[in-house]
Each structure stands twice: as C-alpha cells, then as structure tokens.
Amino acid sequence: LALAAKASGGKVIVQVRRIVETNSRPAT
C-alpha cells in the first residue's frame, strides 16, 4: 500500500503503538 501511494504521488499515514529511539533496532 505504501509503495503504491508513493508511486502515485500520494501520502502515507501510519498508526503505531509506540515511538522508539532511532537506531535502537537492527536495520533488518
């Protein structure tokens, strides 16, 4: 969905449970 919207020049909104620190997770 996200890639379809961005390829269309559209907008991506996401709902998450929490915000984490940048680089706190492995890139994988």
PDB file of all heavy atoms in Angstrom:
ATOM      1  N   LEU A   1       0.827  -1.206   0.000  1.00  0.00           N
ATOM      2  CA  LEU A   1       0.000   0.000   0.000  1.00  0.00           C
ATOM      3  C   LEU A   1       0.861   1.255   0.000  1.00  0.00           C
ATOM      4  O   LEU A   1       0.599   2.214  -0.739  1.00  0.00           O
ATOM      5  CB  LEU A   1      -0.897   0.016   1.243  1.00  0.00           C
ATOM      6  CG  LEU A   1      -2.221  -0.725   1.182  1.00  0.00           C
ATOM      7  CD1 LEU A   1      -2.864  -0.727   2.562  1.00  0.00           C
ATOM      8  CD2 LEU A   1      -3.157  -0.070   0.183  1.00  0.00           C
ATOM      9  N   ALA A   2       1.865   1.270   0.861  1.00  0.00           N
ATOM     10  CA  ALA A   2       2.721   2.446   0.964  1.00  0.00           C
ATOM     11  C   ALA A   2       3.423   2.737  -0.359  1.00  0.00           C
ATOM     12  O   ALA A   2       3.465   3.879  -0.828  1.00  0.00           O
ATOM     13  CB  ALA A   2       3.741   2.248   2.078  1.00  0.00           C
ATOM     14  N   LEU A   3       3.975   1.711  -0.985  1.00  0.00           N
ATOM     15  CA  LEU A   3       4.702   1.909  -2.234  1.00  0.00           C
ATOM     16  C   LEU A   3       3.767   2.327  -3.354  1.00  0.00           C
ATOM     17  O   LEU A   3       4.130   3.146  -4.217  1.00  0.00           O
ATOM     18  CB  LEU A   3       5.466   0.643  -2.599  1.00  0.00           C
ATOM     19  CG  LEU A   3       6.538   0.206  -1.581  1.00  0.00           C
ATOM     20  CD1 LEU A   3       7.241  -1.055  -2.060  1.00  0.00           C
ATOM     21  CD2 LEU A   3       7.538   1.321  -1.313  1.00  0.00           C
ATOM     22  N   ALA A   4       2.546   1.798  -3.359  1.00  0.00           N
ATOM     23  CA  ALA A   4       1.564   2.200  -4.371  1.00  0.00           C
ATOM     24  C   ALA A   4       1.217   3.674  -4.226  1.00  0.00           C
ATOM     25  O   ALA A   4       1.127   4.414  -5.218  1.00  0.00           O
ATOM     26  CB  ALA A   4       0.317   1.335  -4.256  1.00  0.00           C
ATOM     27  N   ALA A   5       1.024   4.122  -2.988  1.00  0.00           N
ATOM     28  CA  ALA A   5       0.673   5.526  -2.765  1.00  0.00           C
ATOM     29  C   ALA A   5       1.832   6.455  -3.149  1.00  0.00           C
ATOM     30  O   ALA A   5       1.634   7.483  -3.813  1.00  0.00           O
ATOM     31  CB  ALA A   5       0.283   5.749  -1.307  1.00  0.00           C
ATOM     32  N   LYS A   6       3.049   6.102  -2.745  1.00  0.00           N
ATOM     33  CA  LYS A   6       4.178   6.976  -3.058  1.00  0.00           C
ATOM     34  C   LYS A   6       4.439   7.035  -4.560  1.00  0.00           C
ATOM     35  O   LYS A   6       4.761   8.087  -5.109  1.00  0.00           O
ATOM     36  CB  LYS A   6       5.437   6.521  -2.314  1.00  0.00           C
ATOM     37  CG  LYS A   6       5.329   6.554  -0.792  1.00  0.00           C
ATOM     38  CD  LYS A   6       4.798   7.870  -0.253  1.00  0.00           C
ATOM     39  CE  LYS A   6       5.773   9.017  -0.399  1.00  0.00           C
ATOM     40  NZ  LYS A   6       5.253  10.253   0.245  1.00  0.00           N
ATOM     41  N   ALA A   7       4.295   5.900  -5.256  1.00  0.00           N
ATOM     42  CA  ALA A   7       4.465   5.900  -6.711  1.00  0.00           C
ATOM     43  C   ALA A   7       3.402   6.741  -7.403  1.00  0.00           C
ATOM     44  O   ALA A   7       3.612   7.247  -8.516  1.00  0.00           O
ATOM     45  CB  ALA A   7       4.436   4.474  -7.242  1.00  0.00           C
ATOM     46  N   SER A   8       2.251   6.895  -6.736  1.00  0.00           N
ATOM     47  CA  SER A   8       1.153   7.706  -7.279  1.00  0.00           C
ATOM     48  C   SER A   8       1.281   9.172  -6.908  1.00  0.00           C
ATOM     49  O   SER A   8       0.404   9.980  -7.243  1.00  0.00           O
ATOM     50  CB  SER A   8      -0.191   7.172  -6.751  1.00  0.00           C
ATOM     51  OG  SER A   8      -0.394   5.814  -7.080  1.00  0.00           O
ATOM     52  N   GLY A   9       2.359   9.552  -6.183  1.00  0.00           N
ATOM     53  CA  GLY A   9       2.496  10.913  -5.704  1.00  0.00           C
ATOM     54  C   GLY A   9       1.633  11.193  -4.495  1.00  0.00           C
ATOM     55  O   GLY A   9       1.332  12.348  -4.178  1.00  0.00           O
ATOM     56  N   GLY A  10       1.236  10.113  -3.800  1.00  0.00           N
ATOM     57  CA  GLY A  10       0.310  10.245  -2.684  1.00  0.00           C
ATOM     58  C   GLY A  10       0.990  10.295  -1.335  1.00  0.00           C
ATOM     59  O   GLY A  10       2.216  10.409  -1.222  1.00  0.00           O
ATOM     60  N   LYS A  11       0.184  10.158  -0.310  1.00  0.00           N
ATOM     61  CA  LYS A  11       0.594  10.349   1.081  1.00  0.00           C
ATOM     62  C   LYS A  11       0.432   9.050   1.857  1.00  0.00           C
ATOM     63  O   LYS A  11      -0.529   8.299   1.634  1.00  0.00           O
ATOM     64  CB  LYS A  11      -0.284  11.454   1.689  1.00  0.00           C
ATOM     65  CG  LYS A  11      -0.045  11.774   3.136  1.00  0.00           C
ATOM     66  CD  LYS A  11      -1.005  12.895   3.544  1.00  0.00           C
ATOM     67  CE  LYS A  11      -0.846  13.277   4.997  1.00  0.00           C
ATOM     68  NZ  LYS A  11      -1.800  14.357   5.377  1.00  0.00           N
ATOM     69  N   VAL A  12       1.355   8.788   2.789  1.00  0.00           N
ATOM     70  CA  VAL A  12       1.302   7.595   3.619  1.00  0.00           C
ATOM     71  C   VAL A  12       1.182   8.009   5.090  1.00  0.00           C
ATOM     72  O   VAL A  12       2.042   8.727   5.605  1.00  0.00           O
ATOM     73  CB  VAL A  12       2.543   6.706   3.421  1.00  0.00           C
ATOM     74  CG1 VAL A  12       2.540   5.536   4.398  1.00  0.00           C
ATOM     75  CG2 VAL A  12       2.602   6.192   1.986  1.00  0.00           C
ATOM     76  N   ILE A  13       0.124   7.542   5.728  1.00  0.00           N
ATOM     77  CA  ILE A  13      -0.132   7.788   7.148  1.00  0.00           C
ATOM     78  C   ILE A  13      -0.075   6.441   7.855  1.00  0.00           C
ATOM     79  O   ILE A  13      -0.646   5.463   7.374  1.00  0.00           O
ATOM     80  CB  ILE A  13      -1.520   8.415   7.364  1.00  0.00           C
ATOM     81  CG1 ILE A  13      -1.702   9.670   6.503  1.00  0.00           C
ATOM     82  CG2 ILE A  13      -1.746   8.741   8.840  1.00  0.00           C
ATOM     83  CD1 ILE A  13      -3.142  10.151   6.438  1.00  0.00           C
ATOM     84  N   VAL A  14       0.587   6.382   9.006  1.00  0.00           N
ATOM     85  CA  VAL A  14       0.709   5.098   9.695  1.00  0.00           C
ATOM     86  C   VAL A  14       0.344   5.248  11.164  1.00  0.00           C
ATOM     87  O   VAL A  14       0.676   6.248  11.802  1.00  0.00           O
ATOM     88  CB  VAL A  14       2.135   4.515   9.550  1.00  0.00           C
ATOM     89  CG1 VAL A  14       3.166   5.474  10.097  1.00  0.00           C
ATOM     90  CG2 VAL A  14       2.266   3.162  10.232  1.00  0.00           C
ATOM     91  N   GLN A  15      -0.361   4.272  11.674  1.00  0.00           N
ATOM     92  CA  GLN A  15      -0.696   4.192  13.100  1.00  0.00           C
ATOM     93  C   GLN A  15       0.224   3.171  13.755  1.00  0.00           C
ATOM     94  O   GLN A  15       0.377   2.049  13.261  1.00  0.00           O
ATOM     95  CB  GLN A  15      -2.152   3.766  13.269  1.00  0.00           C
ATOM     96  CG  GLN A  15      -2.602   3.557  14.710  1.00  0.00           C
ATOM     97  CD  GLN A  15      -4.062   3.146  14.777  1.00  0.00           C
ATOM     98  OE1 GLN A  15      -4.912   3.695  14.091  1.00  0.00           O
ATOM     99  NE2 GLN A  15      -4.358   2.141  15.604  1.00  0.00           N
ATOM    100  N   VAL A  16       0.847   3.563  14.882  1.00  0.00           N
ATOM    101  CA  VAL A  16       1.751   2.661  15.592  1.00  0.00           C
ATOM    102  C   VAL A  16       1.420   2.664  17.079  1.00  0.00           C
ATOM    103  O   VAL A  16       0.755   3.562  17.589  1.00  0.00           O
ATOM    104  CB  VAL A  16       3.239   3.056  15.393  1.00  0.00           C
ATOM    105  CG1 VAL A  16       3.636   2.975  13.934  1.00  0.00           C
ATOM    106  CG2 VAL A  16       3.510   4.446  15.962  1.00  0.00           C
ATOM    107  N   ARG A  17       1.943   1.659  17.762  1.00  0.00           N
ATOM    108  CA  ARG A  17       1.742   1.549  19.204  1.00  0.00           C
ATOM    109  C   ARG A  17       2.732   2.429  19.978  1.00  0.00           C
ATOM    110  O   ARG A  17       2.421   2.922  21.051  1.00  0.00           O
ATOM    111  CB  ARG A  17       1.878   0.081  19.632  1.00  0.00           C
ATOM    112  CG  ARG A  17       1.627  -0.175  21.112  1.00  0.00           C
ATOM    113  CD  ARG A  17       1.619  -1.662  21.437  1.00  0.00           C
ATOM    114  NE  ARG A  17       0.392  -2.305  20.957  1.00  0.00           N
ATOM    115  CZ  ARG A  17       0.332  -3.146  19.944  1.00  0.00           C
ATOM    116  NH1 ARG A  17       1.433  -3.465  19.286  1.00  0.00           N
ATOM    117  NH2 ARG A  17      -0.807  -3.688  19.574  1.00  0.00           N
ATOM    118  N   ARG A  18       3.920   2.639  19.426  1.00  0.00           N
ATOM    119  CA  ARG A  18       4.936   3.390  20.157  1.00  0.00           C
ATOM    120  C   ARG A  18       5.984   3.953  19.201  1.00  0.00           C
ATOM    121  O   ARG A  18       6.158   3.468  18.077  1.00  0.00           O
ATOM    122  CB  ARG A  18       5.636   2.496  21.191  1.00  0.00           C
ATOM    123  CG  ARG A  18       6.313   1.287  20.587  1.00  0.00           C
ATOM    124  CD  ARG A  18       6.847   0.311  21.632  1.00  0.00           C
ATOM    125  NE  ARG A  18       7.309  -0.905  21.008  1.00  0.00           N
ATOM    126  CZ  ARG A  18       6.506  -1.945  20.706  1.00  0.00           C
ATOM    127  NH1 ARG A  18       5.224  -1.887  21.021  1.00  0.00           N
ATOM    128  NH2 ARG A  18       6.990  -3.025  20.126  1.00  0.00           N
ATOM    129  N   ILE A  19       6.683   4.963  19.708  1.00  0.00           N
ATOM    130  CA  ILE A  19       7.846   5.544  19.028  1.00  0.00           C
ATOM    131  C   ILE A  19       9.103   5.029  19.734  1.00  0.00           C
ATOM    132  O   ILE A  19       9.175   5.010  20.965  1.00  0.00           O
ATOM    133  CB  ILE A  19       7.811   7.090  19.090  1.00  0.00           C
ATOM    134  CG1 ILE A  19       6.536   7.621  18.423  1.00  0.00           C
ATOM    135  CG2 ILE A  19       9.051   7.679  18.425  1.00  0.00           C
ATOM    136  CD1 ILE A  19       6.438   7.332  16.938  1.00  0.00           C
ATOM    137  N   VAL A  20      10.066   4.589  18.936  1.00  0.00           N
ATOM    138  CA  VAL A  20      11.309   4.060  19.502  1.00  0.00           C
ATOM    139  C   VAL A  20      12.471   4.970  19.108  1.00  0.00           C
ATOM    140  O   VAL A  20      12.364   5.790  18.182  1.00  0.00           O
ATOM    141  CB  VAL A  20      11.580   2.623  19.018  1.00  0.00           C
ATOM    142  CG1 VAL A  20      10.443   1.696  19.431  1.00  0.00           C
ATOM    143  CG2 VAL A  20      11.773   2.582  17.493  1.00  0.00           C
ATOM    144  N   GLU A  21      13.578   4.822  19.808  1.00  0.00           N
ATOM    145  CA  GLU A  21      14.762   5.609  19.511  1.00  0.00           C
ATOM    146  C   GLU A  21      15.335   5.217  18.145  1.00  0.00           C
ATOM    147  O   GLU A  21      15.353   4.046  17.771  1.00  0.00           O
ATOM    148  CB  GLU A  21      15.825   5.400  20.589  1.00  0.00           C
ATOM    149  CG  GLU A  21      15.481   6.011  21.932  1.00  0.00           C
ATOM    150  CD  GLU A  21      15.416   7.530  21.880  1.00  0.00           C
ATOM    151  OE1 GLU A  21      16.219   8.123  21.112  1.00  0.00           O
ATOM    152  OE2 GLU A  21      14.567   8.115  22.580  1.00  0.00           O
ATOM    153  N   THR A  22      15.807   6.211  17.432  1.00  0.00           N
ATOM    154  CA  THR A  22      16.463   5.951  16.153  1.00  0.00           C
ATOM    155  C   THR A  22      17.677   5.045  16.371  1.00  0.00           C
ATOM    156  O   THR A  22      18.422   5.202  17.344  1.00  0.00           O
ATOM    157  CB  THR A  22      16.913   7.270  15.516  1.00  0.00           C
ATOM    158  OG1 THR A  22      15.763   8.114  15.379  1.00  0.00           O
ATOM    159  CG2 THR A  22      17.536   7.036  14.143  1.00  0.00           C
ATOM    160  N   ASN A  23      17.851   4.086  15.501  1.00  0.00           N
ATOM    161  CA  ASN A  23      18.965   3.122  15.549  1.00  0.00           C
ATOM    162  C   ASN A  23      18.883   2.174  16.740  1.00  0.00           C
ATOM    163  O   ASN A  23      19.863   1.499  17.066  1.00  0.00           O
ATOM    164  CB  ASN A  23      20.322   3.835  15.557  1.00  0.00           C
ATOM    165  CG  ASN A  23      20.534   4.694  14.326  1.00  0.00           C
ATOM    166  OD1 ASN A  23      20.114   4.308  13.231  1.00  0.00           O
ATOM    167  ND2 ASN A  23      21.151   5.851  14.493  1.00  0.00           N
ATOM    168  N   SER A  24      17.722   2.101  17.385  1.00  0.00           N
ATOM    169  CA  SER A  24      17.576   1.168  18.512  1.00  0.00           C
ATOM    170  C   SER A  24      17.243  -0.237  18.043  1.00  0.00           C
ATOM    171  O   SER A  24      17.254  -1.175  18.837  1.00  0.00           O
ATOM    172  CB  SER A  24      16.479   1.657  19.460  1.00  0.00           C
ATOM    173  OG  SER A  24      15.219   1.690  18.800  1.00  0.00           O
ATOM    174  N   ARG A  25      16.948  -0.383  16.766  1.00  0.00           N
ATOM    175  CA  ARG A  25      16.626  -1.694  16.201  1.00  0.00           C
ATOM    176  C   ARG A  25      17.594  -2.000  15.073  1.00  0.00           C
ATOM    177  O   ARG A  25      18.078  -1.072  14.402  1.00  0.00           O
ATOM    178  CB  ARG A  25      15.187  -1.704  15.643  1.00  0.00           C
ATOM    179  CG  ARG A  25      14.126  -1.354  16.637  1.00  0.00           C
ATOM    180  CD  ARG A  25      12.774  -1.159  15.959  1.00  0.00           C
ATOM    181  NE  ARG A  25      12.802  -0.102  14.950  1.00  0.00           N
ATOM    182  CZ  ARG A  25      11.727   0.535  14.517  1.00  0.00           C
ATOM    183  NH1 ARG A  25      10.530   0.223  14.994  1.00  0.00           N
ATOM    184  NH2 ARG A  25      11.810   1.482  13.606  1.00  0.00           N
ATOM    185  N   PRO A  26      17.865  -3.267  14.823  1.00  0.00           N
ATOM    186  CA  PRO A  26      18.683  -3.588  13.643  1.00  0.00           C
ATOM    187  C   PRO A  26      17.940  -3.193  12.374  1.00  0.00           C
ATOM    188  O   PRO A  26      16.702  -3.189  12.323  1.00  0.00           O
ATOM    189  CB  PRO A  26      18.870  -5.103  13.741  1.00  0.00           C
ATOM    190  CG  PRO A  26      17.764  -5.584  14.621  1.00  0.00           C
ATOM    191  CD  PRO A  26      17.461  -4.467  15.577  1.00  0.00           C
ATOM    192  N   ALA A  27      18.671  -2.860  11.352  1.00  0.00           N
ATOM    193  CA  ALA A  27      18.051  -2.445  10.089  1.00  0.00           C
ATOM    194  C   ALA A  27      17.139  -3.530   9.529  1.00  0.00           C
ATOM    195  O   ALA A  27      16.137  -3.228   8.861  1.00  0.00           O
ATOM    196  CB  ALA A  27      19.132  -2.080   9.078  1.00  0.00           C
ATOM    197  N   THR A  28      17.466  -4.791   9.801  1.00  0.00           N
ATOM    198  CA  THR A  28      16.632  -5.889   9.298  1.00  0.00           C
ATOM    199  C   THR A  28      15.236  -5.877   9.901  1.00  0.00           C
ATOM    200  O   THR A  28      14.311  -6.495   9.348  1.00  0.00           O
ATOM    201  CB  THR A  28      17.299  -7.242   9.603  1.00  0.00           C
ATOM    202  OG1 THR A  28      17.642  -7.300  10.996  1.00  0.00           O
ATOM    203  CG2 THR A  28      18.549  -7.430   8.759  1.00  0.00           C
TER     204      THR A  28
END
